PDB file of N, CA and C in Angstrom:
ATOM      1  N   UNK A   1     110.234  91.142  98.584  1.00  0.00           N
ATOM      2  CA  UNK A   1     109.923  92.644  97.914  1.00  0.00           C
ATOM      3  C   UNK A   1     108.765  92.959  99.078  1.00  0.00           C
ATOM      4  N   UNK A   2     108.986  93.943  99.200  1.00  0.00           N
ATOM      5  CA  UNK A   2     108.163  94.597 100.880  1.00  0.00           C
ATOM      6  C   UNK A   2     106.290  94.788 100.195  1.00  0.00           C
ATOM      7  N   UNK A   3     105.836  94.744 101.338  1.00  0.00           N
ATOM      8  CA  UNK A   3     104.435  95.033 100.668  1.00  0.00           C
ATOM      9  C   UNK A   3     104.440  96.827 100.961  1.00  0.00           C
ATOM     10  N   UNK A   4     103.037  97.116 100.790  1.00  0.00           N
ATOM     11  CA  UNK A   4     102.712  98.393 100.732  1.00  0.00           C
ATOM     12  C   UNK A   4     102.818  98.314 102.422  1.00  0.00           C
ATOM     13  N   UNK A   5     102.285  98.074 102.900  1.00  0.00           N
ATOM     14  CA  UNK A   5     102.016  98.273 104.529  1.00  0.00           C
ATOM     15  C   UNK A   5     103.532  98.278 105.311  1.00  0.00           C
ATOM     16  N   UNK A   6     104.454  97.496 104.593  1.00  0.00           N
ATOM     17  CA  UNK A   6     105.956  97.915 105.423  1.00  0.00           C
ATOM     18  C   UNK A   6     106.142  98.830 104.740  1.00  0.00           C
ATOM     19  N   UNK A   7     106.449  99.575 103.549  1.00  0.00           N
ATOM     20  CA  UNK A   7     106.907 100.705 102.935  1.00  0.00           C
ATOM     21  C   UNK A   7     106.295 101.965 103.707  1.00  0.00           C
ATOM     22  N   UNK A   8     104.832 101.792 103.463  1.00  0.00           N
ATOM     23  CA  UNK A   8     104.221 102.829 104.525  1.00  0.00           C
ATOM     24  C   UNK A   8     104.425 103.046 105.695  1.00  0.00           C
ATOM     25  N   UNK A   9     104.612 101.987 106.230  1.00  0.00           N
ATOM     26  CA  UNK A   9     105.467 102.147 107.576  1.00  0.00           C
ATOM     27  C   UNK A   9     106.850 103.030 107.644  1.00  0.00           C
ATOM     28  N   UNK A  10     107.531 102.393 107.131  1.00  0.00           N
ATOM     29  CA  UNK A  10     109.105 102.710 106.888  1.00  0.00           C
ATOM     30  C   UNK A  10     109.004 104.438 106.549  1.00  0.00           C
ATOM     31  N   UNK A  11     108.231 104.930 105.451  1.00  0.00           N
ATOM     32  CA  UNK A  11     108.029 106.559 105.547  1.00  0.00           C
ATOM     33  C   UNK A  11     107.390 106.957 106.655  1.00  0.00           C
ATOM     34  N   UNK A  12     106.494 106.434 107.084  1.00  0.00           N
ATOM     35  CA  UNK A  12     105.719 107.158 108.779  1.00  0.00           C
ATOM     36  C   UNK A  12     107.006 107.124 109.625  1.00  0.00           C
ATOM     37  N   UNK A  13     107.785 105.992 109.606  1.00  0.00           N
ATOM     38  CA  UNK A  13     108.915 105.925 110.939  1.00  0.00           C
ATOM     39  C   UNK A  13     109.604 106.932 110.419  1.00  0.00           C
ATOM     40  N   UNK A  14     110.188 107.183 109.118  1.00  0.00           N
ATOM     41  CA  UNK A  14     111.394 108.195 108.695  1.00  0.00           C
ATOM     42  C   UNK A  14     111.151 109.580 108.876  1.00  0.00           C
ATOM     43  N   UNK A  15     109.957 109.598 108.740  1.00  0.00           N
ATOM     44  CA  UNK A  15     108.825 111.276 108.289  1.00  0.00           C
ATOM     45  C   UNK A  15     108.310 111.716 109.933  1.00  0.00           C
ATOM     46  N   UNK A  16     108.191 110.827 110.649  1.00  0.00           N
ATOM     47  CA  UNK A  16     107.673 111.153 112.165  1.00  0.00           C
ATOM     48  C   UNK A  16     106.505 111.746 111.817  1.00  0.00           C
ATOM     49  N   UNK A  17     105.559 111.089 111.010  1.00  0.00           N
ATOM     50  CA  UNK A  17     104.328 111.337 110.548  1.00  0.00           C
ATOM     51  C   UNK A  17     103.140 110.558 111.395  1.00  0.00           C
ATOM     52  N   UNK A  18     101.944 111.185 111.910  1.00  0.00           N
ATOM     53  CA  UNK A  18     101.223 110.353 112.135  1.00  0.00           C
ATOM     54  C   UNK A  18     100.206 109.912 111.577  1.00  0.00           C
ATOM     55  N   UNK A  19     100.067 108.849 111.130  1.00  0.00           N
ATOM     56  CA  UNK A  19      98.959 108.188 110.363  1.00  0.00           C
ATOM     57  C   UNK A  19      98.205 106.853 111.151  1.00  0.00           C
ATOM     58  N   UNK A  20      96.858 107.129 110.792  1.00  0.00           N
ATOM     59  CA  UNK A  20      96.265 106.100 111.219  1.00  0.00           C
ATOM     60  C   UNK A  20      95.184 105.325 110.328  1.00  0.00           C
ATOM     61  N   UNK A  21      94.898 104.362 110.992  1.00  0.00           N
ATOM     62  CA  UNK A  21      94.072 103.288 109.933  1.00  0.00           C
ATOM     63  C   UNK A  21      92.502 102.804 110.387  1.00  0.00           C
ATOM     64  N   UNK A  22      91.740 102.971 109.790  1.00  0.00           N
ATOM     65  CA  UNK A  22      90.683 102.729 110.741  1.00  0.00           C
ATOM     66  C   UNK A  22      89.897 101.279 109.188  1.00  0.00           C
ATOM     67  N   UNK A  23      88.831 100.500 109.677  1.00  0.00           N
ATOM     68  CA  UNK A  23      88.544  99.724 108.681  1.00  0.00           C
ATOM     69  C   UNK A  23      86.845  99.520 109.046  1.00  0.00           C
ATOM     70  N   UNK A  24      85.827  99.244 107.790  1.00  0.00           N
ATOM     71  CA  UNK A  24      84.563  99.342 107.945  1.00  0.00           C
ATOM     72  C   UNK A  24      84.391  98.260 107.163  1.00  0.00           C
ATOM     73  N   UNK A  25      83.432  97.540 107.764  1.00  0.00           N
ATOM     74  CA  UNK A  25      82.611  96.293 107.087  1.00  0.00           C
ATOM     75  C   UNK A  25      80.894  96.568 106.773  1.00  0.00           C
ATOM     76  N   UNK A  26      80.701  96.240 105.656  1.00  0.00           N
ATOM     77  CA  UNK A  26      79.863  96.556 105.276  1.00  0.00           C
ATOM     78  C   UNK A  26      79.085  95.428 104.366  1.00  0.00           C
ATOM     79  N   UNK A  27      77.446  94.898 104.169  1.00  0.00           N
ATOM     80  CA  UNK A  27      77.003  94.197 103.635  1.00  0.00           C
ATOM     81  C   UNK A  27      76.955  92.843 104.262  1.00  0.00           C
ATOM     82  N   UNK A  28      76.357  91.958 103.730  1.00  0.00           N
ATOM     83  CA  UNK A  28      75.588  90.706 105.119  1.00  0.00           C
ATOM     84  C   UNK A  28      77.013  90.062 104.879  1.00  0.00           C
ATOM     85  N   UNK A  29      77.373  88.994 106.080  1.00  0.00           N
ATOM     86  CA  UNK A  29      78.678  88.306 106.194  1.00  0.00           C
ATOM     87  C   UNK A  29      79.228  87.708 104.930  1.00  0.00           C
ATOM     88  N   UNK A  30      77.671  86.862 104.688  1.00  0.00           N
ATOM     89  CA  UNK A  30      78.799  85.835 103.774  1.00  0.00           C
ATOM     90  C   UNK A  30      78.972  86.480 102.311  1.00  0.00           C
ATOM     91  N   UNK A  31      78.943  87.716 102.215  1.00  0.00           N
ATOM     92  CA  UNK A  31      79.128  88.683 101.057  1.00  0.00           C
ATOM     93  C   UNK A  31      80.068  89.940 101.343  1.00  0.00           C
ATOM     94  N   UNK A  32      80.807  89.908 102.523  1.00  0.00           N
ATOM     95  CA  UNK A  32      81.085  91.200 102.838  1.00  0.00           C
ATOM     96  C   UNK A  32      81.999  92.196 102.376  1.00  0.00           C
ATOM     97  N   UNK A  33      81.996  93.293 102.543  1.00  0.00           N
ATOM     98  CA  UNK A  33      83.029  94.372 101.817  1.00  0.00           C
ATOM     99  C   UNK A  33      83.535  94.919 103.072  1.00  0.00           C
ATOM    100  N   UNK A  34      84.875  95.099 102.975  1.00  0.00           N
ATOM    101  CA  UNK A  34      85.862  95.793 104.239  1.00  0.00           C
ATOM    102  C   UNK A  34      86.483  97.141 103.354  1.00  0.00           C
ATOM    103  N   UNK A  35      86.213  98.273 103.828  1.00  0.00           N
ATOM    104  CA  UNK A  35      86.926  99.612 103.535  1.00  0.00           C
ATOM    105  C   UNK A  35      87.681 100.038 104.356  1.00  0.00           C
ATOM    106  N   UNK A  36      89.205 100.068 104.019  1.00  0.00           N
ATOM    107  CA  UNK A  36      90.217 100.466 104.872  1.00  0.00           C
ATOM    108  C   UNK A  36      90.639 101.759 104.505  1.00  0.00           C
ATOM    109  N   UNK A  37      91.005 102.338 105.309  1.00  0.00           N
ATOM    110  CA  UNK A  37      91.126 104.166 105.068  1.00  0.00           C
ATOM    111  C   UNK A  37      92.445 104.358 105.871  1.00  0.00           C
ATOM    112  N   UNK A  38      93.450 104.901 105.550  1.00  0.00           N
ATOM    113  CA  UNK A  38      94.727 105.318 106.199  1.00  0.00           C
ATOM    114  C   UNK A  38      94.650 106.917 105.761  1.00  0.00           C
ATOM    115  N   UNK A  39      95.049 107.456 107.197  1.00  0.00           N
ATOM    116  CA  UNK A  39      94.036 108.993 107.338  1.00  0.00           C
ATOM    117  C   UNK A  39      95.866 109.540 108.220  1.00  0.00           C
ATOM    118  N   UNK A  40      96.075 110.888 107.403  1.00  0.00           N
ATOM    119  CA  UNK A  40      97.557 111.566 108.080  1.00  0.00           C
ATOM    120  C   UNK A  40      96.450 112.574 108.868  1.00  0.00           C
ATOM    121  N   UNK A  41      97.233 112.660 109.962  1.00  0.00           N
ATOM    122  CA  UNK A  41      96.853 113.844 111.005  1.00  0.00           C
ATOM    123  C   UNK A  41      96.912 115.124 110.331  1.00  0.00           C
ATOM    124  N   UNK A  42      95.788 115.954 110.382  1.00  0.00           N
ATOM    125  CA  UNK A  42      96.034 117.204 110.080  1.00  0.00           C
ATOM    126  C   UNK A  42      96.151 117.298 108.504  1.00  0.00           C
ATOM    127  N   UNK A  43      95.762 116.289 107.957  1.00  0.00           N
ATOM    128  CA  UNK A  43      95.599 116.176 106.396  1.00  0.00           C
ATOM    129  C   UNK A  43      93.818 115.575 105.915  1.00  0.00           C
ATOM    130  N   UNK A  44      93.690 114.747 106.322  1.00  0.00           N
ATOM    131  CA  UNK A  44      92.892 113.843 106.555  1.00  0.00           C
ATOM    132  C   UNK A  44      92.893 112.248 105.634  1.00  0.00           C
ATOM    133  N   UNK A  45      92.229 112.047 104.827  1.00  0.00           N
ATOM    134  CA  UNK A  45      92.591 110.381 103.903  1.00  0.00           C
ATOM    135  C   UNK A  45      93.581 110.302 102.901  1.00  0.00           C
ATOM    136  N   UNK A  46      94.533 109.860 103.109  1.00  0.00           N
ATOM    137  CA  UNK A  46      95.457 109.465 102.281  1.00  0.00           C
ATOM    138  C   UNK A  46      95.376 108.646 101.396  1.00  0.00           C
ATOM    139  N   UNK A  47      94.319 107.475 101.322  1.00  0.00           N
ATOM    140  CA  UNK A  47      94.067 106.126 100.738  1.00  0.00           C
ATOM    141  C   UNK A  47      93.002 105.763 101.437  1.00  0.00           C
ATOM    142  N   UNK A  48      92.309 105.102 100.359  1.00  0.00           N
ATOM    143  CA  UNK A  48      91.223 104.369 100.560  1.00  0.00           C
ATOM    144  C   UNK A  48      90.931 103.237  99.596  1.00  0.00           C
ATOM    145  N   UNK A  49      90.393 102.118 100.012  1.00  0.00           N
ATOM    146  CA  UNK A  49      90.214 101.069  99.335  1.00  0.00           C
ATOM    147  C   UNK A  49      89.060 100.318  99.959  1.00  0.00           C
ATOM    148  N   UNK A  50      88.660  99.396  98.963  1.00  0.00           N
ATOM    149  CA  UNK A  50      87.722  98.734  99.507  1.00  0.00           C
ATOM    150  C   UNK A  50      87.785  97.123  98.687  1.00  0.00           C
ATOM    151  N   UNK A  51      87.668  96.087  99.296  1.00  0.00           N
ATOM    152  CA  UNK A  51      88.441  94.582  99.166  1.00  0.00           C
ATOM    153  C   UNK A  51      87.125  93.366  99.686  1.00  0.00           C
ATOM    154  N   UNK A  52      87.535  92.400  99.161  1.00  0.00           N
ATOM    155  CA  UNK A  52      86.605  91.348  99.834  1.00  0.00           C
ATOM    156  C   UNK A  52      87.370  91.012 101.202  1.00  0.00           C
ATOM    157  N   UNK A  53      88.557  91.110 101.525  1.00  0.00           N
ATOM    158  CA  UNK A  53      89.056  91.055 103.224  1.00  0.00           C
ATOM    159  C   UNK A  53      89.673  91.670 103.739  1.00  0.00           C
ATOM    160  N   UNK A  54      89.531  91.833 104.936  1.00  0.00           N
ATOM    161  CA  UNK A  54      90.547  93.072 105.757  1.00  0.00           C
ATOM    162  C   UNK A  54      91.676  93.493 105.429  1.00  0.00           C
ATOM    163  N   UNK A  55      92.063  92.231 105.346  1.00  0.00           N
ATOM    164  CA  UNK A  55      93.892  92.500 104.866  1.00  0.00           C
ATOM    165  C   UNK A  55      93.833  92.876 103.332  1.00  0.00           C
ATOM    166  N   UNK A  56      93.009  92.811 102.495  1.00  0.00           N
ATOM    167  CA  UNK A  56      93.271  93.411 101.128  1.00  0.00           C
ATOM    168  C   UNK A  56      92.605  94.509 101.031  1.00  0.00           C
ATOM    169  N   UNK A  57      92.021  95.239 101.698  1.00  0.00           N
ATOM    170  CA  UNK A  57      91.666  96.588 101.620  1.00  0.00           C
ATOM    171  C   UNK A  57      92.664  97.335 102.183  1.00  0.00           C
ATOM    172  N   UNK A  58      93.196  96.809 103.586  1.00  0.00           N
ATOM    173  CA  UNK A  58      94.626  97.672 104.135  1.00  0.00           C
ATOM    174  C   UNK A  58      95.865  97.397 103.020  1.00  0.00           C
ATOM    175  N   UNK A  59      96.261  96.313 102.426  1.00  0.00           N
ATOM    176  CA  UNK A  59      97.441  96.491 101.510  1.00  0.00           C
ATOM    177  C   UNK A  59      96.753  97.997 100.553  1.00  0.00           C
ATOM    178  N   UNK A  60      95.718  97.463  99.932  1.00  0.00           N
ATOM    179  CA  UNK A  60      95.363  98.483  98.773  1.00  0.00           C
ATOM    180  C   UNK A  60      95.140 100.030  99.292  1.00  0.00           C
ATOM    181  N   UNK A  61      94.552 100.107 100.942  1.00  0.00           N
ATOM    182  CA  UNK A  61      95.031 101.352 101.194  1.00  0.00           C
ATOM    183  C   UNK A  61      96.184 102.143 101.238  1.00  0.00           C
ATOM    184  N   UNK A  62      97.026 101.044 101.915  1.00  0.00           N
ATOM    185  CA  UNK A  62      98.735 101.814 101.961  1.00  0.00           C
ATOM    186  C   UNK A  62      99.182 101.748 100.529  1.00  0.00           C
ATOM    187  N   UNK A  63      98.703 101.316  99.744  1.00  0.00           N
ATOM    188  CA  UNK A  63      99.514 101.925  98.055  1.00  0.00           C
ATOM    189  C   UNK A  63      98.888 102.896  97.710  1.00  0.00           C
ATOM    190  N   UNK A  64      97.517 102.958  97.823  1.00  0.00           N
ATOM    191  CA  UNK A  64      97.502 104.622  97.722  1.00  0.00           C
ATOM    192  C   UNK A  64      97.455 105.790  98.392  1.00  0.00           C
ATOM    193  N   UNK A  65      98.156 105.227  99.691  1.00  0.00           N
ATOM    194  CA  UNK A  65      98.632 106.227 100.964  1.00  0.00           C
ATOM    195  C   UNK A  65     100.010 106.337 100.605  1.00  0.00           C
ATOM    196  N   UNK A  66     101.349 105.283  99.603  1.00  0.00           N
ATOM    197  CA  UNK A  66     102.330 105.307  99.759  1.00  0.00           C
ATOM    198  C   UNK A  66     102.539 106.372  98.670  1.00  0.00           C
ATOM    199  N   UNK A  67     101.494 106.271  97.277  1.00  0.00           N
ATOM    200  CA  UNK A  67     101.789 107.145  96.518  1.00  0.00           C
ATOM    201  C   UNK A  67     100.984 108.405  96.698  1.00  0.00           C
ATOM    202  N   UNK A  68     100.062 108.776  97.517  1.00  0.00           N
ATOM    203  CA  UNK A  68     100.119 109.855  98.257  1.00  0.00           C
ATOM    204  C   UNK A  68     101.794 110.587  98.476  1.00  0.00           C
ATOM    205  N   UNK A  69     101.940 110.007  99.146  1.00  0.00           N
ATOM    206  CA  UNK A  69     103.007 110.514 100.203  1.00  0.00           C
ATOM    207  C   UNK A  69     103.959 110.826  99.235  1.00  0.00           C
ATOM    208  N   UNK A  70     104.236 109.980  98.450  1.00  0.00           N
ATOM    209  CA  UNK A  70     105.322 109.912  97.356  1.00  0.00           C
ATOM    210  C   UNK A  70     105.470 110.925  95.900  1.00  0.00           C
ATOM    211  N   UNK A  71     104.106 111.153  96.061  1.00  0.00           N
ATOM    212  CA  UNK A  71     103.761 112.366  95.136  1.00  0.00           C
ATOM    213  C   UNK A  71     103.888 113.840  95.445  1.00  0.00           C
ATOM    214  N   UNK A  72     104.222 113.767  97.259  1.00  0.00           N
ATOM    215  CA  UNK A  72     104.832 115.203  97.788  1.00  0.00           C
ATOM    216  C   UNK A  72     106.172 115.103  97.863  1.00  0.00           C
ATOM    217  N   UNK A  73     106.776 113.943  97.522  1.00  0.00           N
ATOM    218  CA  UNK A  73     108.334 113.974  97.734  1.00  0.00           C
ATOM    219  C   UNK A  73     108.682 113.425  99.252  1.00  0.00           C
ATOM    220  N   UNK A  74     107.547 112.571  99.861  1.00  0.00           N
ATOM    221  CA  UNK A  74     107.986 112.188 101.145  1.00  0.00           C
ATOM    222  C   UNK A  74     108.157 110.618 100.914  1.00  0.00           C
ATOM    223  N   UNK A  75     109.154 110.375 101.264  1.00  0.00           N
ATOM    224  CA  UNK A  75     109.711 108.825 100.724  1.00  0.00           C
ATOM    225  C   UNK A  75     110.697 108.280 102.060  1.00  0.00           C
ATOM    226  N   UNK A  76     111.138 106.941 102.327  1.00  0.00           N
ATOM    227  CA  UNK A  76     111.429 106.161 103.266  1.00  0.00           C
ATOM    228  C   UNK A  76     112.999 106.530 103.182  1.00  0.00           C
TER     229      UNK A  76
END
């Protein structure tokens, strides 16, 4: 089964979209939280998630971004 990041990449590629990703860490190193954000150029944030790991925040934000795109009939 494909990850949300793979699905998002397929949608972005097939539809020639410009999507960027940023991540921010907050909290002390021993209890850090990561916030990942996918942004669609010209629109703004389409997926945002907070998690204990950078990878998990990226995957969760990608799920939101995929859902946002699919709700607008933008699919791979």
